[in-house]
Amino acid sequence: MAQVPQTFLDALAVRTWCGLALRSLGRAREEIDAINVYPVADGDTGTNLYLTVESATAAVEAVFAGYEQGGPCLADALRAMAHGALIGARGNSGTILAQLLRGMAQVLAADGAGDVSHVDGTALRRALRRAADAAREAVAHPVEGTVLTVASAAADAADGAEGDCGTVVLAAYEGARAALAATPRQLAVLGRAGVVDAGGRGLVTVLAALVEAVTGEAVPEETYAGAAGAGICPEAPEHAGEGGPAYEVIYLLEADDAAVARLRGRLDALGDSLVVVGGDGLWNVHVHVDDAGAAVEAGVEAGRPYRIRITHFAVGDVHTGGERPPREPAQRAVVAVVPGEGLAGLYAEAGATTVLARPGEPPASGELAQALRRAHAREVVLLPNDAELRHTAAAAAEQVRAEGVRVALIPTRSAVQGIAALAVHEPERRFDEDVVQMTSAAGATRYAEVLVAERQSWTTAGICQAGDVLGLIDGDVAVIGPDLTGTAETVLDRMLQAGGELVTLVVGDDAPEEVADRLEARVRESYLAVDTVVYRGGRQGALLLIGVE
């Protein structure tokens, strides 16, 4: 009889796990969204879990891409997965999933394990136990019949499994699946709705992907998809949290442990569904409150909050009581990716739905697709405002087109091109005509950015050193200079040599105060027929963005 090969978890298996989990959650997203009735029946648990895993997957892929030969060690892959999930966590269940992955990484990527190429079943059992415990510790008031129960059951089943990683993960999956089927008997709102817990359903999907990544054998989908609502008579869903808080607030927070401990108490007094995950100075905070401003202010007192997302549970939804009539979609909307808070405000004032892109943290296709859906329109114009986002934006547009929405992608390569396109946007025009006019305005706008070189490198303008100021025109380095203002003036002169009627300046928070005044004065003195408009971009990647129309 042939000997069955031992199974283990290594960096490649982590990469495979992420890819399989993302694919499976993509297939199950709508089903999970549909059974989402707790803690708020807002129908987005599947989407939030997908976006969380998408961020984890992108982080792992980035680590693998950084190696010209070979690949990362197990510890690096696990840390990347956990960090990616942490910074991309969405909603209550996504935040808990991020903590589950972090708990696993704490064990499997512990100090002293950095040079280990793979781990066995014993280490994986400890990792699953730590994951379940860490998730419970992160939730202010744990409730049974939720994803926490499913995670604990997975860890319990793994504890009783003797053998290699394949044996352990299969036991964990089966334990989670059995616990998932029992959730309607533990949580009344699930029983009345005739569904299993949506977050737990998502976790079972993630564990099924882990089984396949470790063993190479896929778990038949019907064996766990059919568990939902087993033995339960469906009734009308309960209005979970009726009369509860009106806003969901999520942000990343840079703060020390002591400040976060105080923050937990403050937020717990403000609302419910409090989950704080992370550590080592970086945290993801999730809470439901009536006073969103107070929740953000508490974060400011604790440290530096950023990537702040505030969602209003619309009046009449399940979190505020009453029935909500379906909102009629708008005819047309604009969705734009913007590099800083200042531009996000400017675009929002113009009526656009915005997606904030932090330096080094471009939005994934799932995040863009969700923004296209959030625009709630029959026709949507998408402005990626970055040449590197073209394929990501195209994938998001294709995904939403398949849902019956008409989406036009205008290939804007800079936020200043997006501003030009938005300036000529006319919702009353025929869709095709509007898209043509916006595309024409964007194409007629030359764009530049001024930034500081982080390292020595070859450029189209010569060799730059770390700390040099670079002026890029239409994506290529055109000027290398010692200071921001002088470099920006040279860039502007070169752009205006070809003519222009309007100069747009978007000034970042880190740019000197006088740079905008100097550039405005130069335009007034040297280019008499040219107007200038200045915007504050906030914490954007470039010190200065320049557009010339």
Protein backbone atom coordinates (compact mmCIF):
# COMPACT_ATOMS: atom_id res chain seq x y z
CA MET A 1 0.00 0.00 0.00
CA ALA A 2 1.40 3.38 -1.03
CA GLN A 3 2.32 5.72 1.80
CA VAL A 4 0.26 8.93 1.96
CA PRO A 5 2.61 11.94 1.71
CA GLN A 6 2.81 14.25 4.72
CA THR A 7 1.16 17.63 4.31
CA PHE A 8 2.46 20.91 5.72
CA LEU A 9 1.95 24.67 5.49
CA ASP A 10 4.63 26.73 3.73
CA ALA A 11 4.80 30.14 2.04
CA LEU A 12 3.49 28.80 -1.27
CA ALA A 13 0.55 27.18 0.52
CA VAL A 14 -0.26 30.54 2.15
CA ARG A 15 -0.24 32.17 -1.28
CA THR A 16 -2.46 29.41 -2.67
CA TRP A 17 -4.78 29.68 0.33
CA CYS A 18 -5.30 33.40 -0.26
CA GLY A 19 -6.06 32.89 -3.95
CA LEU A 20 -8.49 30.03 -3.33
CA ALA A 21 -10.26 31.88 -0.50
CA LEU A 22 -10.66 34.97 -2.69
CA ARG A 23 -12.09 32.93 -5.55
CA SER A 24 -14.49 31.05 -3.26
CA LEU A 25 -15.68 34.20 -1.50
CA GLY A 26 -16.22 35.79 -4.90
CA ARG A 27 -18.56 32.93 -5.82
CA ALA A 28 -20.31 32.97 -2.43
CA ARG A 29 -20.44 36.76 -1.95
CA GLU A 30 -24.05 37.26 -3.00
CA GLU A 31 -25.26 34.25 -1.00
CA ILE A 32 -23.49 35.47 2.14
CA ASP A 33 -24.76 39.02 1.64
CA ALA A 34 -28.31 37.65 1.34
CA ILE A 35 -28.22 35.85 4.74
CA ASN A 36 -26.63 38.79 6.60
CA VAL A 37 -29.11 39.61 9.40
CA TYR A 38 -26.81 40.04 12.40
CA PRO A 39 -25.57 42.32 13.94
CA VAL A 40 -27.04 44.57 11.23
CA ALA A 41 -29.02 43.27 8.27
CA ASP A 42 -27.24 45.52 5.80
CA GLY A 43 -26.50 42.76 3.28
CA ASP A 44 -22.75 43.33 2.92
CA THR A 45 -20.97 40.64 4.97
CA GLY A 46 -19.98 38.62 1.90
CA THR A 47 -18.68 41.72 0.15
CA ASN A 48 -16.77 42.84 3.24
CA LEU A 49 -15.14 39.44 3.66
CA TYR A 50 -14.20 39.40 -0.01
CA LEU A 51 -12.59 42.84 0.19
CA THR A 52 -10.70 41.87 3.34
CA VAL A 53 -9.27 38.73 1.74
CA GLU A 54 -8.54 40.64 -1.47
CA SER A 55 -6.35 43.03 0.53
CA ALA A 56 -4.60 40.08 2.22
CA THR A 57 -4.03 38.42 -1.15
CA ALA A 58 -2.58 41.60 -2.66
CA ALA A 59 -0.14 41.91 0.24
CA VAL A 60 1.05 38.31 -0.16
CA GLU A 61 1.43 38.71 -3.93
CA ALA A 62 3.49 41.87 -3.34
CA VAL A 63 5.87 39.94 -1.08
CA PHE A 64 6.32 37.19 -3.69
CA ALA A 65 6.85 39.79 -6.43
CA GLY A 66 9.71 41.27 -4.41
CA TYR A 67 11.84 38.17 -4.94
CA GLU A 68 13.64 37.78 -8.26
CA GLN A 69 14.59 34.21 -7.39
CA GLY A 70 13.03 31.80 -4.94
CA GLY A 71 10.38 33.27 -2.70
CA PRO A 72 9.63 34.54 0.78
CA CYS A 73 9.87 32.42 3.91
CA LEU A 74 6.73 31.24 5.63
CA ALA A 75 6.93 33.95 8.29
CA ASP A 76 7.10 36.77 5.70
CA ALA A 77 4.11 35.37 3.78
CA LEU A 78 2.03 35.01 6.96
CA ARG A 79 2.89 38.49 8.21
CA ALA A 80 1.98 39.96 4.83
CA MET A 81 -1.34 38.12 4.81
CA ALA A 82 -2.19 39.33 8.31
CA HIS A 83 -1.10 42.91 7.62
CA GLY A 84 -2.98 43.05 4.33
CA ALA A 85 -6.16 41.82 6.02
CA LEU A 86 -5.70 44.33 8.85
CA ILE A 87 -5.37 47.40 6.64
CA GLY A 88 -8.11 46.24 4.26
CA ALA A 89 -10.61 44.89 6.81
CA ARG A 90 -14.22 45.85 6.11
CA GLY A 91 -17.24 45.61 8.37
CA ASN A 92 -17.70 43.62 11.54
CA SER A 93 -16.93 40.20 10.04
CA GLY A 94 -14.00 41.40 7.95
CA THR A 95 -12.42 42.96 11.01
CA ILE A 96 -12.82 39.73 12.98
CA LEU A 97 -11.38 37.71 10.10
CA ALA A 98 -8.35 40.01 10.09
CA GLN A 99 -7.81 39.23 13.77
CA LEU A 100 -8.18 35.50 13.15
CA LEU A 101 -5.45 35.68 10.51
CA ARG A 102 -3.30 37.82 12.79
CA GLY A 103 -3.69 35.27 15.60
CA MET A 104 -2.50 32.48 13.29
CA ALA A 105 0.46 34.57 12.16
CA GLN A 106 1.44 35.33 15.76
CA VAL A 107 2.04 31.62 16.32
CA LEU A 108 3.30 30.49 12.92
CA ALA A 109 5.55 33.51 12.30
CA ALA A 110 6.75 33.88 15.88
CA ASP A 111 10.26 35.04 16.72
CA GLY A 112 12.70 32.23 16.04
CA ALA A 113 10.49 30.76 13.29
CA GLY A 114 11.63 33.16 10.58
CA ASP A 115 14.00 30.63 9.00
CA VAL A 116 11.49 27.77 9.12
CA SER A 117 10.28 26.79 5.65
CA HIS A 118 7.11 25.08 6.82
CA VAL A 119 5.15 24.03 9.90
CA ASP A 120 3.45 20.80 10.92
CA GLY A 121 0.08 19.86 12.38
CA THR A 122 1.10 20.60 15.98
CA ALA A 123 1.97 24.23 15.17
CA LEU A 124 -1.19 24.62 13.11
CA ARG A 125 -3.34 23.40 16.01
CA ARG A 126 -1.80 26.05 18.26
CA ALA A 127 -2.28 28.68 15.57
CA LEU A 128 -5.98 27.94 15.17
CA ARG A 129 -6.47 28.11 18.94
CA ARG A 130 -4.65 31.43 19.16
CA ALA A 131 -6.72 32.77 16.25
CA ALA A 132 -10.02 31.93 17.95
CA ASP A 133 -8.88 33.38 21.30
CA ALA A 134 -7.53 36.56 19.70
CA ALA A 135 -10.80 37.17 17.86
CA ARG A 136 -12.82 36.87 21.09
CA GLU A 137 -10.45 39.22 22.87
CA ALA A 138 -10.94 41.81 20.12
CA VAL A 139 -14.74 41.91 20.45
CA ALA A 140 -16.06 44.04 23.30
CA HIS A 141 -19.11 41.83 23.95
CA PRO A 142 -18.81 38.37 22.31
CA VAL A 143 -22.07 36.74 21.24
CA GLU A 144 -22.56 33.00 20.65
CA GLY A 145 -24.00 31.85 17.36
CA THR A 146 -21.64 34.12 15.41
CA VAL A 147 -18.34 33.78 13.59
CA LEU A 148 -16.66 33.67 17.02
CA THR A 149 -18.50 30.44 17.83
CA VAL A 150 -17.53 28.94 14.48
CA ALA A 151 -13.87 29.88 15.00
CA SER A 152 -13.84 28.36 18.49
CA ALA A 153 -15.39 25.15 17.19
CA ALA A 154 -12.74 24.94 14.48
CA ALA A 155 -10.01 25.29 17.11
CA ASP A 156 -11.67 22.70 19.37
CA ALA A 157 -11.89 20.19 16.54
CA ALA A 158 -8.27 20.85 15.56
CA ASP A 159 -7.17 20.25 19.16
CA GLY A 160 -8.56 16.74 18.96
CA ALA A 161 -6.91 15.91 15.65
CA GLU A 162 -3.61 14.00 15.69
CA GLY A 163 -1.58 14.09 12.52
CA ASP A 164 -0.17 16.36 9.86
CA CYS A 165 -1.50 19.72 8.63
CA GLY A 166 -3.99 18.10 6.28
CA THR A 167 -5.57 16.14 9.12
CA VAL A 168 -5.72 19.21 11.35
CA VAL A 169 -7.24 21.60 8.80
CA LEU A 170 -9.82 19.05 7.67
CA ALA A 171 -10.87 18.52 11.30
CA ALA A 172 -11.05 22.30 11.82
CA TYR A 173 -13.19 22.69 8.71
CA GLU A 174 -15.59 19.92 9.74
CA GLY A 175 -15.86 21.39 13.26
CA ALA A 176 -16.58 24.84 11.86
CA ARG A 177 -19.16 23.48 9.45
CA ALA A 178 -21.03 21.67 12.22
CA ALA A 179 -20.96 24.78 14.40
CA LEU A 180 -22.23 26.89 11.51
CA ALA A 181 -25.26 24.63 11.06
CA ALA A 182 -26.06 25.08 14.76
CA THR A 183 -25.88 28.89 14.82
CA PRO A 184 -29.63 29.41 14.19
CA ARG A 185 -30.35 27.55 17.43
CA GLN A 186 -27.97 29.80 19.37
CA LEU A 187 -28.96 33.23 18.07
CA ALA A 188 -32.68 34.00 17.92
CA VAL A 189 -32.49 36.43 15.01
CA LEU A 190 -30.91 33.73 12.85
CA GLY A 191 -33.54 31.18 13.83
CA ARG A 192 -36.39 33.54 12.94
CA ALA A 193 -34.79 34.35 9.59
CA GLY A 194 -34.02 30.70 8.83
CA VAL A 195 -30.36 31.35 8.07
CA VAL A 196 -26.93 30.57 9.49
CA ASP A 197 -24.56 33.31 10.61
CA ALA A 198 -23.17 35.12 7.57
CA GLY A 199 -19.75 35.74 9.10
CA GLY A 200 -19.49 32.10 10.15
CA ARG A 201 -20.50 31.05 6.64
CA GLY A 202 -17.65 33.13 5.29
CA LEU A 203 -15.16 31.60 7.73
CA VAL A 204 -16.19 28.08 6.67
CA THR A 205 -15.45 29.13 3.08
CA VAL A 206 -12.00 30.41 4.09
CA LEU A 207 -11.25 27.16 5.95
CA ALA A 208 -12.38 25.11 2.97
CA ALA A 209 -9.83 27.01 0.89
CA LEU A 210 -7.15 26.21 3.49
CA VAL A 211 -8.00 22.51 3.24
CA GLU A 212 -7.50 22.61 -0.52
CA ALA A 213 -4.30 24.66 -0.24
CA VAL A 214 -2.73 22.18 2.19
CA THR A 215 -4.03 18.87 0.84
CA GLY A 216 -4.56 19.65 -2.82
CA GLU A 217 -8.08 18.23 -2.53
CA ALA A 218 -11.06 20.59 -2.91
CA VAL A 219 -13.92 20.30 -0.47
CA PRO A 220 -17.11 19.69 -2.50
CA GLU A 221 -18.98 22.97 -2.35
CA GLU A 222 -22.36 21.39 -1.83
CA THR A 223 -21.20 19.75 1.42
CA TYR A 224 -21.01 23.09 3.20
CA ALA A 225 -23.18 25.45 1.12
CA GLY A 226 -26.16 23.28 1.99
CA ALA A 227 -25.62 23.71 5.73
CA ALA A 228 -27.29 27.10 5.75
CA GLY A 229 -30.52 27.00 7.65
CA ALA A 230 -30.49 23.24 8.15
CA GLY A 231 -33.54 22.19 10.13
CA ILE A 232 -34.82 25.75 10.54
CA CYS A 233 -38.22 27.01 9.43
CA PRO A 234 -37.72 30.38 7.72
CA GLU A 235 -39.66 33.34 9.07
CA ALA A 236 -39.41 37.05 8.47
CA PRO A 237 -36.00 38.45 9.54
CA GLU A 238 -35.89 40.25 12.85
CA HIS A 239 -34.92 43.89 12.91
CA ALA A 240 -31.61 43.23 14.60
CA GLY A 241 -30.50 46.14 16.69
CA GLU A 242 -33.84 47.95 16.25
CA GLY A 243 -33.47 51.48 17.56
CA GLY A 244 -29.69 51.02 17.61
CA PRO A 245 -26.87 53.26 16.42
CA ALA A 246 -27.14 54.93 13.03
CA TYR A 247 -23.53 54.88 11.82
CA GLU A 248 -20.77 52.37 11.22
CA VAL A 249 -17.34 53.92 11.79
CA ILE A 250 -14.12 52.19 10.73
CA TYR A 251 -10.59 53.54 10.73
CA LEU A 252 -6.98 52.49 10.93
CA LEU A 253 -5.22 53.86 13.99
CA GLU A 254 -1.58 54.37 14.87
CA ALA A 255 -1.43 54.27 18.68
CA ASP A 256 0.23 52.49 21.59
CA ASP A 257 -1.41 49.74 23.64
CA ALA A 258 -2.27 51.97 26.61
CA ALA A 259 -4.06 54.51 24.41
CA VAL A 260 -6.02 51.74 22.67
CA ALA A 261 -7.12 50.31 26.01
CA ARG A 262 -8.59 53.72 26.91
CA LEU A 263 -10.13 54.01 23.44
CA ARG A 264 -11.97 50.70 23.86
CA GLY A 265 -13.68 51.99 27.00
CA ARG A 266 -14.58 55.27 25.34
CA LEU A 267 -16.05 53.65 22.21
CA ASP A 268 -17.87 50.96 24.20
CA ALA A 269 -19.74 53.74 26.00
CA LEU A 270 -20.59 55.43 22.69
CA GLY A 271 -22.12 52.48 20.82
CA ASP A 272 -22.06 48.76 20.09
CA SER A 273 -20.52 46.13 17.76
CA LEU A 274 -17.10 47.30 18.94
CA VAL A 275 -14.17 45.37 17.48
CA VAL A 276 -10.58 46.58 17.81
CA VAL A 277 -7.94 44.40 16.15
CA GLY A 278 -4.23 44.69 15.49
CA GLY A 279 -1.18 45.46 17.57
CA ASP A 280 2.42 46.63 17.33
CA GLY A 281 1.24 50.21 16.94
CA LEU A 282 -1.31 49.66 14.14
CA TRP A 283 -4.99 48.91 14.81
CA ASN A 284 -8.24 48.56 12.89
CA VAL A 285 -11.18 50.05 14.79
CA HIS A 286 -14.83 49.17 14.04
CA VAL A 287 -17.88 50.44 15.96
CA HIS A 288 -21.56 51.30 15.48
CA VAL A 289 -22.50 54.67 17.00
CA ASP A 290 -25.02 57.50 16.80
CA ASP A 291 -22.30 60.15 17.04
CA ALA A 292 -19.78 59.36 14.30
CA GLY A 293 -17.81 62.52 15.03
CA ALA A 294 -17.29 61.50 18.65
CA ALA A 295 -15.99 58.08 17.53
CA VAL A 296 -13.44 59.72 15.25
CA GLU A 297 -12.48 62.28 17.90
CA ALA A 298 -11.82 59.42 20.33
CA GLY A 299 -9.42 58.00 17.76
CA VAL A 300 -7.66 61.38 17.43
CA GLU A 301 -7.17 61.48 21.19
CA ALA A 302 -5.72 57.95 21.14
CA GLY A 303 -3.33 58.45 18.21
CA ARG A 304 -3.51 59.05 14.46
CA PRO A 305 -6.63 57.72 12.75
CA TYR A 306 -6.69 57.49 8.96
CA ARG A 307 -8.54 55.71 6.14
CA ILE A 308 -11.70 56.72 7.99
CA ARG A 309 -14.94 55.23 6.63
CA ILE A 310 -18.33 56.30 7.95
CA THR A 311 -21.44 54.50 6.70
CA HIS A 312 -24.92 55.75 7.53
CA PHE A 313 -27.47 53.01 8.13
CA ALA A 314 -30.19 54.70 6.11
CA VAL A 315 -33.30 55.86 7.95
CA GLY A 316 -35.77 53.01 8.16
CA ASP A 317 -33.27 50.19 7.77
CA VAL A 318 -32.95 47.26 10.16
CA HIS A 319 -30.64 49.11 12.48
CA THR A 320 -32.98 52.03 13.11
CA GLY A 321 -36.32 50.26 12.92
CA GLY A 322 -39.08 50.35 10.35
CA GLU A 323 -39.15 49.17 6.74
CA ARG A 324 -37.10 50.91 4.12
CA PRO A 325 -38.62 51.39 0.68
CA PRO A 326 -36.15 50.50 -2.07
CA ARG A 327 -34.29 53.58 -3.22
CA GLU A 328 -34.67 54.33 -6.92
CA PRO A 329 -31.28 54.33 -8.68
CA ALA A 330 -30.06 57.63 -10.08
CA GLN A 331 -29.69 57.85 -13.83
CA ARG A 332 -25.99 58.71 -13.81
CA ALA A 333 -23.11 58.99 -11.36
CA VAL A 334 -19.35 59.53 -11.34
CA VAL A 335 -16.90 57.42 -9.30
CA ALA A 336 -13.36 58.73 -8.91
CA VAL A 337 -10.16 57.51 -7.26
CA VAL A 338 -8.45 60.41 -5.46
CA PRO A 339 -5.01 60.58 -3.79
CA GLY A 340 -5.84 62.74 -0.75
CA GLU A 341 -8.58 63.90 1.62
CA GLY A 342 -8.64 67.41 0.18
CA LEU A 343 -9.40 66.19 -3.33
CA ALA A 344 -11.90 63.69 -1.94
CA GLY A 345 -13.85 66.64 -0.53
CA LEU A 346 -13.58 68.55 -3.81
CA TYR A 347 -14.81 65.62 -5.88
CA ALA A 348 -17.60 64.87 -3.40
CA GLU A 349 -18.80 68.49 -3.59
CA ALA A 350 -19.04 68.01 -7.35
CA GLY A 351 -21.28 65.00 -6.76
CA ALA A 352 -18.77 62.17 -7.30
CA THR A 353 -18.48 59.02 -5.23
CA THR A 354 -14.84 58.85 -4.17
CA VAL A 355 -12.35 56.10 -3.36
CA LEU A 356 -9.34 57.32 -1.39
CA ALA A 357 -5.97 55.95 -2.57
CA ARG A 358 -3.21 56.22 0.00
CA PRO A 359 0.46 56.30 -1.11
CA GLY A 360 1.51 52.69 -1.59
CA GLU A 361 -2.05 51.45 -0.98
CA PRO A 362 -3.89 51.48 -4.34
CA PRO A 363 -7.51 50.30 -4.22
CA ALA A 364 -8.21 46.76 -5.36
CA SER A 365 -10.75 45.88 -8.04
CA GLY A 366 -13.26 44.71 -5.42
CA GLU A 367 -13.09 48.09 -3.66
CA LEU A 368 -13.68 49.92 -6.95
CA ALA A 369 -16.55 47.58 -7.84
CA GLN A 370 -18.13 48.25 -4.46
CA ALA A 371 -17.85 52.01 -5.05
CA LEU A 372 -19.54 51.60 -8.43
CA ARG A 373 -22.40 49.78 -6.71
CA ARG A 374 -22.51 52.37 -3.92
CA ALA A 375 -23.06 55.10 -6.52
CA HIS A 376 -26.48 53.43 -7.06
CA ALA A 377 -27.00 54.57 -10.64
CA ARG A 378 -27.98 53.03 -13.96
CA GLU A 379 -25.01 54.68 -15.68
CA VAL A 380 -21.62 55.29 -14.04
CA VAL A 381 -18.50 57.07 -15.26
CA LEU A 382 -15.31 55.77 -13.64
CA LEU A 383 -12.24 58.01 -13.28
CA PRO A 384 -9.21 55.95 -12.06
CA ASN A 385 -6.91 59.03 -12.08
CA ASP A 386 -3.81 56.81 -12.21
CA ALA A 387 -2.23 55.00 -15.16
CA GLU A 388 -1.30 52.10 -12.87
CA LEU A 389 -4.97 51.52 -12.01
CA ARG A 390 -6.15 51.06 -15.57
CA HIS A 391 -6.39 47.25 -15.47
CA THR A 392 -7.79 47.23 -11.93
CA ALA A 393 -10.46 49.74 -12.94
CA ALA A 394 -11.28 47.77 -16.09
CA ALA A 395 -11.79 44.61 -14.03
CA ALA A 396 -14.09 46.45 -11.62
CA ALA A 397 -16.08 47.97 -14.49
CA GLU A 398 -16.51 44.57 -16.13
CA GLN A 399 -17.69 43.05 -12.86
CA VAL A 400 -20.40 45.67 -12.37
CA ARG A 401 -21.44 45.67 -16.04
CA ALA A 402 -22.31 42.00 -15.55
CA GLU A 403 -24.82 43.16 -12.92
CA GLY A 404 -26.66 45.32 -15.45
CA VAL A 405 -25.03 48.71 -14.81
CA ARG A 406 -23.71 50.71 -17.75
CA VAL A 407 -20.13 51.69 -16.88
CA ALA A 408 -17.77 53.89 -18.91
CA LEU A 409 -14.09 53.93 -17.98
CA ILE A 410 -12.31 57.17 -18.85
CA PRO A 411 -8.54 56.46 -18.69
CA THR A 412 -7.56 59.49 -16.61
CA ARG A 413 -3.94 59.22 -15.45
CA SER A 414 -3.95 61.99 -12.85
CA ALA A 415 -6.40 63.62 -10.46
CA VAL A 416 -6.04 66.91 -12.38
CA GLN A 417 -7.31 65.15 -15.51
CA GLY A 418 -10.22 63.90 -13.43
CA ILE A 419 -10.96 67.47 -12.29
CA ALA A 420 -11.05 68.59 -15.94
CA ALA A 421 -13.39 65.73 -16.86
CA LEU A 422 -15.68 66.43 -13.92
CA ALA A 423 -15.85 70.13 -14.85
CA VAL A 424 -17.60 69.33 -18.15
CA HIS A 425 -19.79 66.51 -16.79
CA GLU A 426 -23.46 67.07 -17.70
CA PRO A 427 -25.85 64.39 -16.36
CA GLU A 428 -28.65 65.67 -18.61
CA ARG A 429 -26.72 64.84 -21.78
CA ARG A 430 -26.94 61.47 -23.47
CA PHE A 431 -24.53 59.06 -21.79
CA ASP A 432 -22.29 58.61 -24.84
CA GLU A 433 -22.06 62.36 -25.43
CA ASP A 434 -21.22 63.01 -21.79
CA VAL A 435 -18.47 60.37 -21.85
CA VAL A 436 -17.01 61.83 -25.06
CA GLN A 437 -16.92 65.37 -23.62
CA MET A 438 -15.36 64.18 -20.35
CA THR A 439 -12.79 62.08 -22.20
CA SER A 440 -11.91 65.00 -24.46
CA ALA A 441 -11.44 67.36 -21.49
CA ALA A 442 -9.23 64.87 -19.68
CA GLY A 443 -7.16 64.20 -22.80
CA ALA A 444 -6.61 67.93 -23.38
CA THR A 445 -5.12 68.31 -19.89
CA ARG A 446 -1.38 67.80 -19.52
CA TYR A 447 -0.43 66.67 -16.05
CA ALA A 448 2.64 66.79 -13.86
CA GLU A 449 3.64 65.89 -10.34
CA VAL A 450 6.48 67.06 -8.16
CA LEU A 451 7.84 64.68 -5.53
CA VAL A 452 10.99 63.75 -3.62
CA ALA A 453 13.15 60.82 -4.75
CA GLU A 454 13.37 58.08 -2.12
CA ARG A 455 16.52 56.46 -3.52
CA GLN A 456 19.17 56.80 -6.19
CA SER A 457 17.93 55.68 -9.59
CA TRP A 458 18.18 56.16 -13.34
CA THR A 459 15.51 58.40 -14.88
CA THR A 460 14.75 59.82 -18.32
CA ALA A 461 16.32 63.09 -17.13
CA GLY A 462 19.49 61.50 -15.72
CA ILE A 463 20.56 59.97 -12.42
CA CYS A 464 18.76 61.22 -9.31
CA GLN A 465 19.90 60.88 -5.71
CA ALA A 466 17.77 60.24 -2.64
CA GLY A 467 16.30 63.58 -1.55
CA ASP A 468 16.34 65.16 -5.03
CA VAL A 469 13.12 66.83 -6.18
CA LEU A 470 11.67 65.23 -9.32
CA GLY A 471 9.31 66.86 -11.77
CA LEU A 472 7.34 64.34 -13.83
CA ILE A 473 5.44 65.51 -16.90
CA ASP A 474 2.87 63.13 -18.35
CA GLY A 475 4.41 60.33 -16.29
CA ASP A 476 8.08 60.77 -17.25
CA VAL A 477 10.79 62.45 -15.18
CA ALA A 478 11.54 65.74 -16.96
CA VAL A 479 13.33 67.79 -14.27
CA ILE A 480 15.67 66.94 -11.38
CA GLY A 481 16.24 69.80 -8.96
CA PRO A 482 17.43 70.63 -5.44
CA ASP A 483 14.27 72.33 -4.14
CA LEU A 484 10.52 72.09 -4.63
CA THR A 485 9.68 75.63 -5.71
CA GLY A 486 12.43 75.95 -8.31
CA THR A 487 11.70 72.52 -9.76
CA ALA A 488 7.96 73.26 -9.90
CA GLU A 489 8.59 76.55 -11.73
CA THR A 490 10.72 74.77 -14.33
CA VAL A 491 8.05 72.10 -14.80
CA LEU A 492 5.32 74.71 -15.18
CA ASP A 493 7.33 76.70 -17.75
CA ARG A 494 7.92 73.60 -19.85
CA MET A 495 4.23 72.71 -19.76
CA LEU A 496 3.10 76.21 -20.74
CA GLN A 497 5.54 76.40 -23.66
CA ALA A 498 2.96 74.41 -25.63
CA GLY A 499 0.22 76.86 -24.61
CA GLY A 500 -2.64 76.67 -22.17
CA GLU A 501 -5.59 78.56 -20.74
CA LEU A 502 -5.91 77.21 -17.20
CA VAL A 503 -3.37 75.97 -14.64
CA THR A 504 -4.61 73.73 -11.83
CA LEU A 505 -2.42 73.33 -8.75
CA VAL A 506 -3.14 70.66 -6.12
CA VAL A 507 -0.90 71.25 -3.10
CA GLY A 508 -0.16 68.46 -0.64
CA ASP A 509 0.14 68.88 3.11
CA ASP A 510 3.92 68.39 3.04
CA ALA A 511 4.56 71.12 0.45
CA PRO A 512 5.91 74.51 1.66
CA GLU A 513 3.24 77.16 2.19
CA GLU A 514 4.78 79.57 -0.32
CA VAL A 515 4.92 77.24 -3.33
CA ALA A 516 1.37 77.98 -4.55
CA ASP A 517 1.85 81.74 -4.18
CA ARG A 518 5.13 81.62 -6.12
CA LEU A 519 3.60 79.62 -8.96
CA GLU A 520 0.50 81.83 -9.15
CA ALA A 521 2.73 84.92 -9.31
CA ARG A 522 4.82 83.36 -12.08
CA VAL A 523 1.74 82.63 -14.18
CA ARG A 524 0.43 86.20 -13.67
CA GLU A 525 3.74 87.76 -14.66
CA SER A 526 4.75 85.56 -17.59
CA TYR A 527 1.52 84.13 -19.03
CA LEU A 528 -1.03 86.92 -19.16
CA ALA A 529 -3.92 84.96 -20.71
CA VAL A 530 -3.68 82.00 -18.33
CA ASP A 531 -5.83 81.58 -15.21
CA THR A 532 -4.78 79.64 -12.10
CA VAL A 533 -6.85 77.67 -9.59
CA VAL A 534 -5.42 76.17 -6.40
CA TYR A 535 -6.75 73.24 -4.35
CA ARG A 536 -5.50 71.69 -1.13
CA GLY A 537 -4.94 67.99 -1.67
CA GLY A 538 -4.31 66.85 1.91
CA ARG A 539 -2.03 63.88 2.58
CA GLN A 540 -1.43 62.88 -1.03
CA GLY A 541 1.51 60.98 -2.49
CA ALA A 542 3.00 63.89 -4.47
CA LEU A 543 3.97 67.24 -2.94
CA LEU A 544 2.33 69.02 -5.86
CA LEU A 545 0.09 68.12 -8.81
CA ILE A 546 -0.07 70.43 -11.83
CA GLY A 547 -2.59 70.42 -14.65
CA VAL A 548 -2.54 72.59 -17.77
CA GLU A 549 -5.60 72.82 -20.02
